[in-house]
Amino acid sequence: MTPELERALKRHTQWFGSYKASGELKKIQVWLVVNGGQIEFLTPGNSYKVKRTRKNPRVMCYVGSKDGPAISGTAQIITDRSEVARVYRGYWKTHPLRMAIVIGLRLWIEMLLNKRVVVRVQPDEPNPLEGLTDPAT
């Protein structure tokens, strides 16, 4: 792992890029956790990024900032409640103030209503995150 990627991962944010039907890459800022060398984040199950990812699972993750270290990979949508809860707990460890003040309760309610999913990105080989698991998860 490069020093630049290591620094970027400490921010626990990324710009997730999924492709529109036109081929245009659409970047959206989201939080992230790393689990077993895979990038994961929560999002509403009916979001455009989920819809685009279901049509084309090839994605780009720009770690730490909009132009941060780029990791290309293949995404899958995970609906398993235990996986959603695990990433939710990771968010509490990486963003405790924002979770407490801004979105923690809303996320919890949406989880209970099965409205949140995990997007899990398997980086292409060679995987720069191979074997890495964020202590938050």
N, C-alpha and C. Protein backbone atom coordinates (compact mmCIF):
# COMPACT_ATOMS: atom_id res chain seq x y z
N MET A 1 0.85 -1.18 0.00
CA MET A 1 0.00 0.00 0.00
C MET A 1 0.90 1.24 0.00
N THR A 2 0.52 2.20 -0.82
CA THR A 2 1.31 3.42 -0.89
C THR A 2 1.03 4.30 0.33
N PRO A 3 2.00 5.16 0.71
CA PRO A 3 1.75 6.09 1.82
C PRO A 3 0.55 7.01 1.55
N GLU A 4 0.36 7.40 0.28
CA GLU A 4 -0.77 8.26 -0.08
C GLU A 4 -2.10 7.56 0.20
N LEU A 5 -2.21 6.29 -0.18
CA LEU A 5 -3.43 5.53 0.07
C LEU A 5 -3.64 5.31 1.56
N GLU A 6 -2.57 5.04 2.28
CA GLU A 6 -2.68 4.85 3.73
C GLU A 6 -3.22 6.10 4.41
N ARG A 7 -2.72 7.27 4.03
CA ARG A 7 -3.22 8.54 4.59
C ARG A 7 -4.69 8.76 4.20
N ALA A 8 -5.02 8.48 2.95
CA ALA A 8 -6.39 8.70 2.46
C ALA A 8 -7.39 7.82 3.20
N LEU A 9 -7.01 6.58 3.50
CA LEU A 9 -7.92 5.66 4.19
C LEU A 9 -8.28 6.15 5.59
N LYS A 10 -7.39 6.89 6.22
CA LYS A 10 -7.65 7.39 7.58
C LYS A 10 -8.80 8.40 7.61
N ARG A 11 -9.16 8.94 6.46
CA ARG A 11 -10.29 9.88 6.40
C ARG A 11 -11.64 9.16 6.42
N HIS A 12 -11.64 7.87 6.11
CA HIS A 12 -12.86 7.05 6.10
C HIS A 12 -13.93 7.63 5.17
N THR A 13 -13.49 8.30 4.11
CA THR A 13 -14.42 8.80 3.10
C THR A 13 -13.89 8.42 1.71
N GLN A 14 -14.78 8.46 0.75
CA GLN A 14 -14.39 8.21 -0.63
C GLN A 14 -15.38 8.89 -1.55
N TRP A 15 -14.99 9.02 -2.80
CA TRP A 15 -15.91 9.41 -3.86
C TRP A 15 -16.13 8.14 -4.65
N PHE A 16 -17.34 7.60 -4.56
CA PHE A 16 -17.70 6.35 -5.23
C PHE A 16 -18.18 6.69 -6.63
N GLY A 17 -17.59 6.05 -7.61
CA GLY A 17 -17.96 6.31 -9.00
C GLY A 17 -18.64 5.12 -9.64
N SER A 18 -19.86 5.34 -10.11
CA SER A 18 -20.59 4.32 -10.87
C SER A 18 -20.94 4.92 -12.22
N TYR A 19 -21.17 4.04 -13.19
CA TYR A 19 -21.34 4.49 -14.57
C TYR A 19 -22.80 4.61 -14.98
N LYS A 20 -23.12 5.76 -15.59
CA LYS A 20 -24.44 5.96 -16.19
C LYS A 20 -24.53 5.13 -17.47
N ALA A 21 -25.73 4.98 -18.00
CA ALA A 21 -25.92 4.24 -19.25
C ALA A 21 -25.11 4.86 -20.39
N SER A 22 -24.88 6.16 -20.33
CA SER A 22 -24.11 6.86 -21.36
C SER A 22 -22.62 6.57 -21.27
N GLY A 23 -22.20 5.93 -20.17
CA GLY A 23 -20.78 5.66 -19.96
C GLY A 23 -20.10 6.69 -19.08
N GLU A 24 -20.82 7.77 -18.74
CA GLU A 24 -20.27 8.82 -17.88
C GLU A 24 -20.12 8.28 -16.45
N LEU A 25 -18.97 8.58 -15.84
CA LEU A 25 -18.72 8.20 -14.45
C LEU A 25 -19.33 9.24 -13.54
N LYS A 26 -20.22 8.82 -12.64
CA LYS A 26 -20.87 9.72 -11.69
C LYS A 26 -20.27 9.46 -10.32
N LYS A 27 -19.63 10.49 -9.72
CA LYS A 27 -18.99 10.36 -8.41
C LYS A 27 -19.88 10.93 -7.32
N ILE A 28 -20.00 10.18 -6.23
CA ILE A 28 -20.78 10.60 -5.07
C ILE A 28 -19.94 10.36 -3.82
N GLN A 29 -19.89 11.35 -2.92
CA GLN A 29 -19.12 11.18 -1.69
C GLN A 29 -19.88 10.31 -0.70
N VAL A 30 -19.20 9.33 -0.15
CA VAL A 30 -19.76 8.44 0.87
C VAL A 30 -18.67 8.10 1.89
N TRP A 31 -19.09 7.64 3.06
CA TRP A 31 -18.14 7.11 4.03
C TRP A 31 -17.71 5.73 3.58
N LEU A 32 -16.69 5.18 4.24
CA LEU A 32 -16.28 3.82 3.90
C LEU A 32 -15.70 3.11 5.11
N VAL A 33 -15.76 1.80 5.06
CA VAL A 33 -15.01 0.92 5.95
C VAL A 33 -14.33 -0.11 5.04
N VAL A 34 -13.25 -0.70 5.53
CA VAL A 34 -12.56 -1.73 4.77
C VAL A 34 -12.68 -3.03 5.56
N ASN A 35 -13.11 -4.08 4.87
CA ASN A 35 -13.31 -5.38 5.51
C ASN A 35 -12.73 -6.46 4.61
N GLY A 36 -11.68 -7.12 5.07
CA GLY A 36 -11.07 -8.19 4.29
C GLY A 36 -10.59 -7.74 2.92
N GLY A 37 -10.05 -6.52 2.85
CA GLY A 37 -9.54 -6.00 1.59
C GLY A 37 -10.61 -5.45 0.66
N GLN A 38 -11.86 -5.39 1.12
CA GLN A 38 -12.96 -4.87 0.31
C GLN A 38 -13.46 -3.56 0.90
N ILE A 39 -13.86 -2.64 0.03
CA ILE A 39 -14.41 -1.35 0.45
C ILE A 39 -15.91 -1.51 0.60
N GLU A 40 -16.46 -1.01 1.71
CA GLU A 40 -17.90 -1.14 1.96
C GLU A 40 -18.47 0.20 2.43
N PHE A 41 -19.73 0.44 2.08
CA PHE A 41 -20.44 1.60 2.59
C PHE A 41 -21.94 1.34 2.55
N LEU A 42 -22.68 2.13 3.33
CA LEU A 42 -24.14 2.04 3.38
C LEU A 42 -24.75 3.09 2.45
N THR A 43 -25.88 2.74 1.89
CA THR A 43 -26.62 3.68 1.05
C THR A 43 -28.07 3.21 0.96
N PRO A 44 -29.00 4.11 0.64
CA PRO A 44 -30.38 3.67 0.44
C PRO A 44 -30.46 2.65 -0.70
N GLY A 45 -31.27 1.64 -0.52
CA GLY A 45 -31.41 0.59 -1.52
C GLY A 45 -32.00 1.07 -2.84
N ASN A 46 -32.68 2.21 -2.82
CA ASN A 46 -33.29 2.73 -4.06
C ASN A 46 -32.50 3.90 -4.65
N SER A 47 -31.26 4.10 -4.19
CA SER A 47 -30.45 5.22 -4.68
C SER A 47 -30.00 4.99 -6.12
N TYR A 48 -29.66 6.07 -6.80
CA TYR A 48 -29.18 5.96 -8.17
C TYR A 48 -27.88 5.17 -8.25
N LYS A 49 -27.00 5.32 -7.24
CA LYS A 49 -25.75 4.56 -7.29
C LYS A 49 -26.01 3.06 -7.23
N VAL A 50 -27.01 2.64 -6.47
CA VAL A 50 -27.37 1.22 -6.43
C VAL A 50 -27.96 0.79 -7.77
N LYS A 51 -28.85 1.60 -8.32
CA LYS A 51 -29.46 1.27 -9.62
C LYS A 51 -28.39 1.15 -10.71
N ARG A 52 -27.45 2.11 -10.72
CA ARG A 52 -26.37 2.06 -11.72
C ARG A 52 -25.48 0.85 -11.50
N THR A 53 -25.18 0.54 -10.25
CA THR A 53 -24.30 -0.60 -9.93
C THR A 53 -24.95 -1.92 -10.30
N ARG A 54 -26.25 -2.03 -10.13
CA ARG A 54 -26.94 -3.26 -10.53
C ARG A 54 -26.84 -3.48 -12.05
N LYS A 55 -26.86 -2.38 -12.81
CA LYS A 55 -26.76 -2.48 -14.27
C LYS A 55 -25.33 -2.72 -14.73
N ASN A 56 -24.38 -2.11 -14.04
CA ASN A 56 -22.96 -2.23 -14.39
C ASN A 56 -22.15 -2.25 -13.10
N PRO A 57 -21.68 -3.40 -12.66
CA PRO A 57 -20.97 -3.50 -11.39
C PRO A 57 -19.53 -2.96 -11.40
N ARG A 58 -19.04 -2.54 -12.56
CA ARG A 58 -17.69 -1.95 -12.61
C ARG A 58 -17.75 -0.55 -12.02
N VAL A 59 -16.89 -0.27 -11.03
CA VAL A 59 -16.93 1.00 -10.31
C VAL A 59 -15.51 1.51 -10.07
N MET A 60 -15.43 2.76 -9.64
CA MET A 60 -14.17 3.40 -9.24
C MET A 60 -14.37 4.01 -7.86
N CYS A 61 -13.39 3.83 -7.00
CA CYS A 61 -13.40 4.43 -5.67
C CYS A 61 -12.21 5.38 -5.58
N TYR A 62 -12.48 6.64 -5.28
CA TYR A 62 -11.43 7.63 -5.09
C TYR A 62 -11.34 7.86 -3.59
N VAL A 63 -10.32 7.31 -2.97
CA VAL A 63 -10.24 7.24 -1.52
C VAL A 63 -9.72 8.56 -0.94
N GLY A 64 -10.43 9.06 0.07
CA GLY A 64 -10.01 10.24 0.81
C GLY A 64 -10.47 11.57 0.24
N SER A 65 -10.58 11.67 -1.09
CA SER A 65 -11.01 12.92 -1.72
C SER A 65 -11.48 12.62 -3.15
N LYS A 66 -12.07 13.63 -3.77
CA LYS A 66 -12.62 13.45 -5.12
C LYS A 66 -11.56 13.03 -6.14
N ASP A 67 -10.33 13.44 -5.89
CA ASP A 67 -9.23 13.09 -6.79
C ASP A 67 -8.17 12.25 -6.07
N GLY A 68 -8.59 11.56 -5.01
CA GLY A 68 -7.67 10.74 -4.22
C GLY A 68 -7.21 9.51 -4.97
N PRO A 69 -6.44 8.65 -4.30
CA PRO A 69 -5.99 7.41 -4.94
C PRO A 69 -7.18 6.63 -5.48
N ALA A 70 -7.09 6.23 -6.74
CA ALA A 70 -8.20 5.54 -7.41
C ALA A 70 -8.03 4.03 -7.30
N ILE A 71 -9.13 3.38 -6.95
CA ILE A 71 -9.17 1.91 -6.90
C ILE A 71 -10.35 1.47 -7.75
N SER A 72 -10.07 0.73 -8.80
CA SER A 72 -11.15 0.19 -9.63
C SER A 72 -11.53 -1.18 -9.10
N GLY A 73 -12.78 -1.54 -9.32
CA GLY A 73 -13.23 -2.84 -8.83
C GLY A 73 -14.62 -3.20 -9.31
N THR A 74 -15.12 -4.27 -8.73
CA THR A 74 -16.45 -4.78 -9.04
C THR A 74 -17.28 -4.72 -7.77
N ALA A 75 -18.46 -4.11 -7.88
CA ALA A 75 -19.31 -3.92 -6.71
C ALA A 75 -20.45 -4.93 -6.70
N GLN A 76 -20.88 -5.25 -5.50
CA GLN A 76 -22.09 -6.03 -5.33
C GLN A 76 -22.94 -5.38 -4.25
N ILE A 77 -24.24 -5.59 -4.34
CA ILE A 77 -25.19 -5.02 -3.40
C ILE A 77 -25.54 -6.10 -2.39
N ILE A 78 -25.34 -5.79 -1.10
CA ILE A 78 -25.58 -6.74 -0.01
C ILE A 78 -26.79 -6.26 0.79
N THR A 79 -27.80 -7.12 0.93
CA THR A 79 -29.00 -6.75 1.68
C THR A 79 -29.09 -7.43 3.04
N ASP A 80 -28.17 -8.32 3.34
CA ASP A 80 -28.18 -9.06 4.61
C ASP A 80 -28.13 -8.09 5.79
N ARG A 81 -29.10 -8.21 6.68
CA ARG A 81 -29.21 -7.27 7.81
C ARG A 81 -28.00 -7.27 8.72
N SER A 82 -27.39 -8.43 8.93
CA SER A 82 -26.21 -8.48 9.81
C SER A 82 -25.03 -7.73 9.18
N GLU A 83 -24.92 -7.77 7.86
CA GLU A 83 -23.85 -7.03 7.18
C GLU A 83 -24.12 -5.53 7.24
N VAL A 84 -25.37 -5.14 7.04
CA VAL A 84 -25.74 -3.73 7.15
C VAL A 84 -25.44 -3.23 8.56
N ALA A 85 -25.80 -4.00 9.57
CA ALA A 85 -25.56 -3.61 10.96
C ALA A 85 -24.06 -3.50 11.26
N ARG A 86 -23.25 -4.39 10.70
CA ARG A 86 -21.81 -4.35 10.94
C ARG A 86 -21.20 -3.06 10.39
N VAL A 87 -21.60 -2.67 9.18
CA VAL A 87 -21.08 -1.42 8.61
C VAL A 87 -21.60 -0.22 9.41
N TYR A 88 -22.85 -0.27 9.84
CA TYR A 88 -23.43 0.79 10.68
C TYR A 88 -22.60 0.97 11.95
N ARG A 89 -22.24 -0.13 12.61
CA ARG A 89 -21.41 -0.05 13.82
C ARG A 89 -20.04 0.54 13.48
N GLY A 90 -19.50 0.20 12.32
CA GLY A 90 -18.23 0.78 11.89
C GLY A 90 -18.32 2.29 11.74
N TYR A 91 -19.44 2.78 11.21
CA TYR A 91 -19.63 4.22 11.08
C TYR A 91 -19.60 4.91 12.45
N TRP A 92 -20.18 4.28 13.46
CA TRP A 92 -20.16 4.86 14.80
C TRP A 92 -18.74 4.99 15.32
N LYS A 93 -17.86 4.08 14.94
CA LYS A 93 -16.47 4.14 15.39
C LYS A 93 -15.65 5.16 14.60
N THR A 94 -15.95 5.33 13.33
CA THR A 94 -15.16 6.24 12.50
C THR A 94 -15.71 7.66 12.46
N HIS A 95 -17.00 7.85 12.69
CA HIS A 95 -17.64 9.17 12.61
C HIS A 95 -18.60 9.36 13.80
N PRO A 96 -18.13 9.22 15.04
CA PRO A 96 -19.07 9.23 16.17
C PRO A 96 -19.85 10.54 16.33
N LEU A 97 -19.21 11.67 16.14
CA LEU A 97 -19.91 12.94 16.32
C LEU A 97 -20.99 13.14 15.26
N ARG A 98 -20.66 12.89 14.01
CA ARG A 98 -21.66 13.04 12.94
C ARG A 98 -22.81 12.06 13.11
N MET A 99 -22.49 10.85 13.53
CA MET A 99 -23.55 9.85 13.74
C MET A 99 -24.47 10.29 14.87
N ALA A 100 -23.90 10.80 15.96
CA ALA A 100 -24.71 11.19 17.12
C ALA A 100 -25.58 12.41 16.82
N ILE A 101 -25.02 13.36 16.11
CA ILE A 101 -25.73 14.63 15.91
C ILE A 101 -26.58 14.63 14.64
N VAL A 102 -26.09 14.04 13.58
CA VAL A 102 -26.71 14.25 12.28
C VAL A 102 -27.53 13.07 11.78
N ILE A 103 -26.93 11.89 11.62
CA ILE A 103 -27.63 10.86 10.86
C ILE A 103 -27.77 9.50 11.53
N GLY A 104 -27.21 9.31 12.70
CA GLY A 104 -27.25 7.99 13.32
C GLY A 104 -28.64 7.43 13.50
N LEU A 105 -29.57 8.23 14.03
CA LEU A 105 -30.94 7.75 14.26
C LEU A 105 -31.66 7.47 12.95
N ARG A 106 -31.49 8.36 11.98
CA ARG A 106 -32.13 8.15 10.68
C ARG A 106 -31.64 6.86 10.03
N LEU A 107 -30.32 6.63 10.06
CA LEU A 107 -29.78 5.39 9.51
C LEU A 107 -30.34 4.17 10.22
N TRP A 108 -30.44 4.25 11.55
CA TRP A 108 -30.95 3.12 12.33
C TRP A 108 -32.39 2.80 11.92
N ILE A 109 -33.22 3.81 11.81
CA ILE A 109 -34.62 3.60 11.43
C ILE A 109 -34.69 3.00 10.02
N GLU A 110 -33.90 3.54 9.10
CA GLU A 110 -33.91 3.00 7.73
C GLU A 110 -33.41 1.56 7.70
N MET A 111 -32.47 1.23 8.58
CA MET A 111 -32.00 -0.16 8.66
C MET A 111 -33.12 -1.07 9.14
N LEU A 112 -33.84 -0.62 10.16
CA LEU A 112 -34.94 -1.43 10.69
C LEU A 112 -36.03 -1.65 9.65
N LEU A 113 -36.20 -0.69 8.76
CA LEU A 113 -37.21 -0.79 7.70
C LEU A 113 -36.66 -1.45 6.43
N ASN A 114 -35.45 -2.00 6.52
CA ASN A 114 -34.79 -2.65 5.37
C ASN A 114 -34.63 -1.72 4.17
N LYS A 115 -34.34 -0.46 4.43
CA LYS A 115 -34.17 0.50 3.34
C LYS A 115 -32.71 0.79 3.03
N ARG A 116 -31.79 0.23 3.80
CA ARG A 116 -30.35 0.44 3.59
C ARG A 116 -29.71 -0.84 3.11
N VAL A 117 -28.71 -0.68 2.25
CA VAL A 117 -27.94 -1.82 1.75
C VAL A 117 -26.46 -1.49 1.91
N VAL A 118 -25.64 -2.52 1.82
CA VAL A 118 -24.19 -2.35 1.77
C VAL A 118 -23.76 -2.46 0.32
N VAL A 119 -22.94 -1.53 -0.12
CA VAL A 119 -22.25 -1.69 -1.40
C VAL A 119 -20.85 -2.18 -1.05
N ARG A 120 -20.50 -3.33 -1.58
CA ARG A 120 -19.19 -3.94 -1.30
C ARG A 120 -18.40 -3.97 -2.61
N VAL A 121 -17.22 -3.37 -2.58
CA VAL A 121 -16.37 -3.30 -3.77
C VAL A 121 -15.17 -4.21 -3.59
N GLN A 122 -15.03 -5.15 -4.50
CA GLN A 122 -13.84 -6.01 -4.56
C GLN A 122 -12.86 -5.33 -5.51
N PRO A 123 -11.75 -4.77 -4.97
CA PRO A 123 -10.78 -4.12 -5.85
C PRO A 123 -10.17 -5.10 -6.86
N ASP A 124 -9.83 -4.56 -8.02
CA ASP A 124 -9.15 -5.36 -9.03
C ASP A 124 -7.77 -5.78 -8.51
N GLU A 125 -7.25 -6.84 -9.12
CA GLU A 125 -5.90 -7.31 -8.79
C GLU A 125 -4.87 -6.45 -9.52
N PRO A 126 -3.75 -6.15 -8.92
CA PRO A 126 -3.42 -6.50 -7.54
C PRO A 126 -4.18 -5.59 -6.58
N ASN A 127 -4.81 -6.20 -5.59
CA ASN A 127 -5.63 -5.47 -4.62
C ASN A 127 -4.72 -4.70 -3.66
N PRO A 128 -4.73 -3.36 -3.70
CA PRO A 128 -3.89 -2.59 -2.78
C PRO A 128 -4.33 -2.69 -1.33
N LEU A 129 -5.52 -3.23 -1.09
CA LEU A 129 -6.05 -3.37 0.27
C LEU A 129 -6.02 -4.82 0.76
N GLU A 130 -5.36 -5.69 0.02
CA GLU A 130 -5.33 -7.13 0.32
C GLU A 130 -5.04 -7.37 1.80
N GLY A 131 -5.93 -8.14 2.44
CA GLY A 131 -5.75 -8.53 3.84
C GLY A 131 -6.06 -7.45 4.85
N LEU A 132 -6.43 -6.26 4.42
CA LEU A 132 -6.69 -5.16 5.34
C LEU A 132 -8.13 -5.20 5.84
N THR A 133 -8.28 -5.07 7.14
CA THR A 133 -9.60 -4.91 7.75
C THR A 133 -9.51 -3.71 8.67
N ASP A 134 -10.41 -2.76 8.45
CA ASP A 134 -10.46 -1.56 9.27
C ASP A 134 -10.78 -1.96 10.70
N PRO A 135 -10.05 -1.41 11.66
CA PRO A 135 -10.37 -1.74 13.06
C PRO A 135 -11.80 -1.40 13.45
N ALA A 136 -12.45 -0.50 12.70
CA ALA A 136 -13.83 -0.12 13.02
C ALA A 136 -14.81 -1.25 12.79
N THR A 137 -14.49 -2.18 11.89
CA THR A 137 -15.44 -3.24 11.60
C THR A 137 -15.12 -4.39 12.50
